[in-house]
Amino acid sequence: MNKVLVEVYVPVANIKYDAYIPLESKIGEIANLLANAMGDLSNHKYMPGQIITMCNYKNGKEYDKNLRCFETDIENGSQIVIL
């Protein structure tokens, strides 16, 4: 399985971590997994809600939850925001 290394930022908890994400997975699945991981890593300072949004850090563009990662501009070194 091909993966890319991205930097994940959660502004609500002011945390930032690096994570590998699979290129074949849908953005919605990735966002849920990352949000849950960020909740655990932040000692639950961040609690994911019902709706999780994943955006490009540099331009603020929201990623479509139905697209697969390889169908977006996400690549090694991309910066992602989880809201």
Protein backbone atom coordinates (compact mmCIF):
# COMPACT_ATOMS: atom_id res chain seq x y z
CA MET A 1 0.00 0.00 0.00
CA ASN A 2 1.42 3.38 -0.99
CA LYS A 3 1.45 6.06 1.69
CA VAL A 4 2.46 9.70 1.97
CA LEU A 5 3.89 11.52 4.97
CA VAL A 6 1.89 14.62 5.90
CA GLU A 7 1.89 17.12 8.76
CA VAL A 8 -1.46 17.19 10.57
CA TYR A 9 -2.44 20.34 12.47
CA VAL A 10 -5.40 20.61 14.84
CA PRO A 11 -5.87 24.31 15.67
CA VAL A 12 -8.44 23.70 18.42
CA ALA A 13 -5.88 21.81 20.51
CA ASN A 14 -2.83 23.59 19.07
CA ILE A 15 -1.16 20.28 18.21
CA LYS A 16 0.82 19.17 15.19
CA TYR A 17 1.97 15.66 14.29
CA ASP A 18 3.39 13.86 11.29
CA ALA A 19 1.37 10.94 9.94
CA TYR A 20 1.49 8.48 7.08
CA ILE A 21 -1.79 8.27 5.17
CA PRO A 22 -2.70 5.70 2.51
CA LEU A 23 -3.17 6.98 -1.03
CA GLU A 24 -5.96 4.48 -1.78
CA SER A 25 -8.24 5.51 1.13
CA LYS A 26 -11.07 8.02 0.87
CA ILE A 27 -10.57 11.43 2.45
CA GLY A 28 -13.58 10.89 4.73
CA GLU A 29 -12.01 7.72 6.17
CA ILE A 30 -8.62 9.39 6.55
CA ALA A 31 -10.16 12.41 8.29
CA ASN A 32 -11.97 10.18 10.80
CA LEU A 33 -8.85 8.14 11.55
CA LEU A 34 -6.67 11.23 11.93
CA ALA A 35 -9.23 13.01 14.14
CA ASN A 36 -9.47 10.01 16.47
CA ALA A 37 -5.69 9.70 16.62
CA MET A 38 -5.30 13.42 17.35
CA GLY A 39 -7.85 13.08 20.17
CA ASP A 40 -5.82 10.28 21.74
CA LEU A 41 -2.46 12.01 21.22
CA SER A 42 -3.71 15.26 22.75
CA ASN A 43 -4.92 13.49 25.91
CA HIS A 44 -8.44 14.36 24.75
CA LYS A 45 -7.92 18.14 24.61
CA TYR A 46 -9.33 17.67 21.10
CA MET A 47 -12.56 15.72 20.87
CA PRO A 48 -13.70 14.95 17.31
CA GLY A 49 -17.27 15.94 16.54
CA GLN A 50 -19.84 14.33 14.27
CA ILE A 51 -18.58 16.22 11.21
CA ILE A 52 -14.84 16.26 10.60
CA THR A 53 -13.36 18.50 7.93
CA MET A 54 -9.94 18.04 6.38
CA CYS A 55 -8.37 21.05 4.64
CA ASN A 56 -5.16 22.08 2.94
CA TYR A 57 -3.21 24.24 5.41
CA LYS A 58 -1.69 26.55 2.80
CA ASN A 59 -4.77 27.50 0.79
CA GLY A 60 -7.66 26.51 3.10
CA LYS A 61 -9.24 24.30 0.43
CA GLU A 62 -11.57 21.68 1.91
CA TYR A 63 -11.01 18.17 0.61
CA ASP A 64 -13.99 16.26 -0.79
CA LYS A 65 -14.71 13.35 1.56
CA ASN A 66 -15.60 11.05 -1.35
CA LEU A 67 -12.31 11.42 -3.23
CA ARG A 68 -9.44 9.04 -2.72
CA CYS A 69 -6.24 10.59 -1.44
CA PHE A 70 -4.39 10.06 -4.75
CA GLU A 71 -7.13 12.09 -6.50
CA THR A 72 -6.22 15.22 -4.49
CA ASP A 73 -3.15 17.44 -4.26
CA ILE A 74 -1.93 15.63 -1.13
CA GLU A 75 1.67 14.48 -1.44
CA ASN A 76 4.70 13.92 0.79
CA GLY A 77 5.20 17.00 2.94
CA SER A 78 1.65 18.31 2.57
CA GLN A 79 0.22 20.18 5.53
CA ILE A 80 -3.29 19.17 6.54
CA VAL A 81 -5.71 20.81 8.99
CA ILE A 82 -8.34 18.80 10.85
CA LEU A 83 -11.40 20.74 12.02
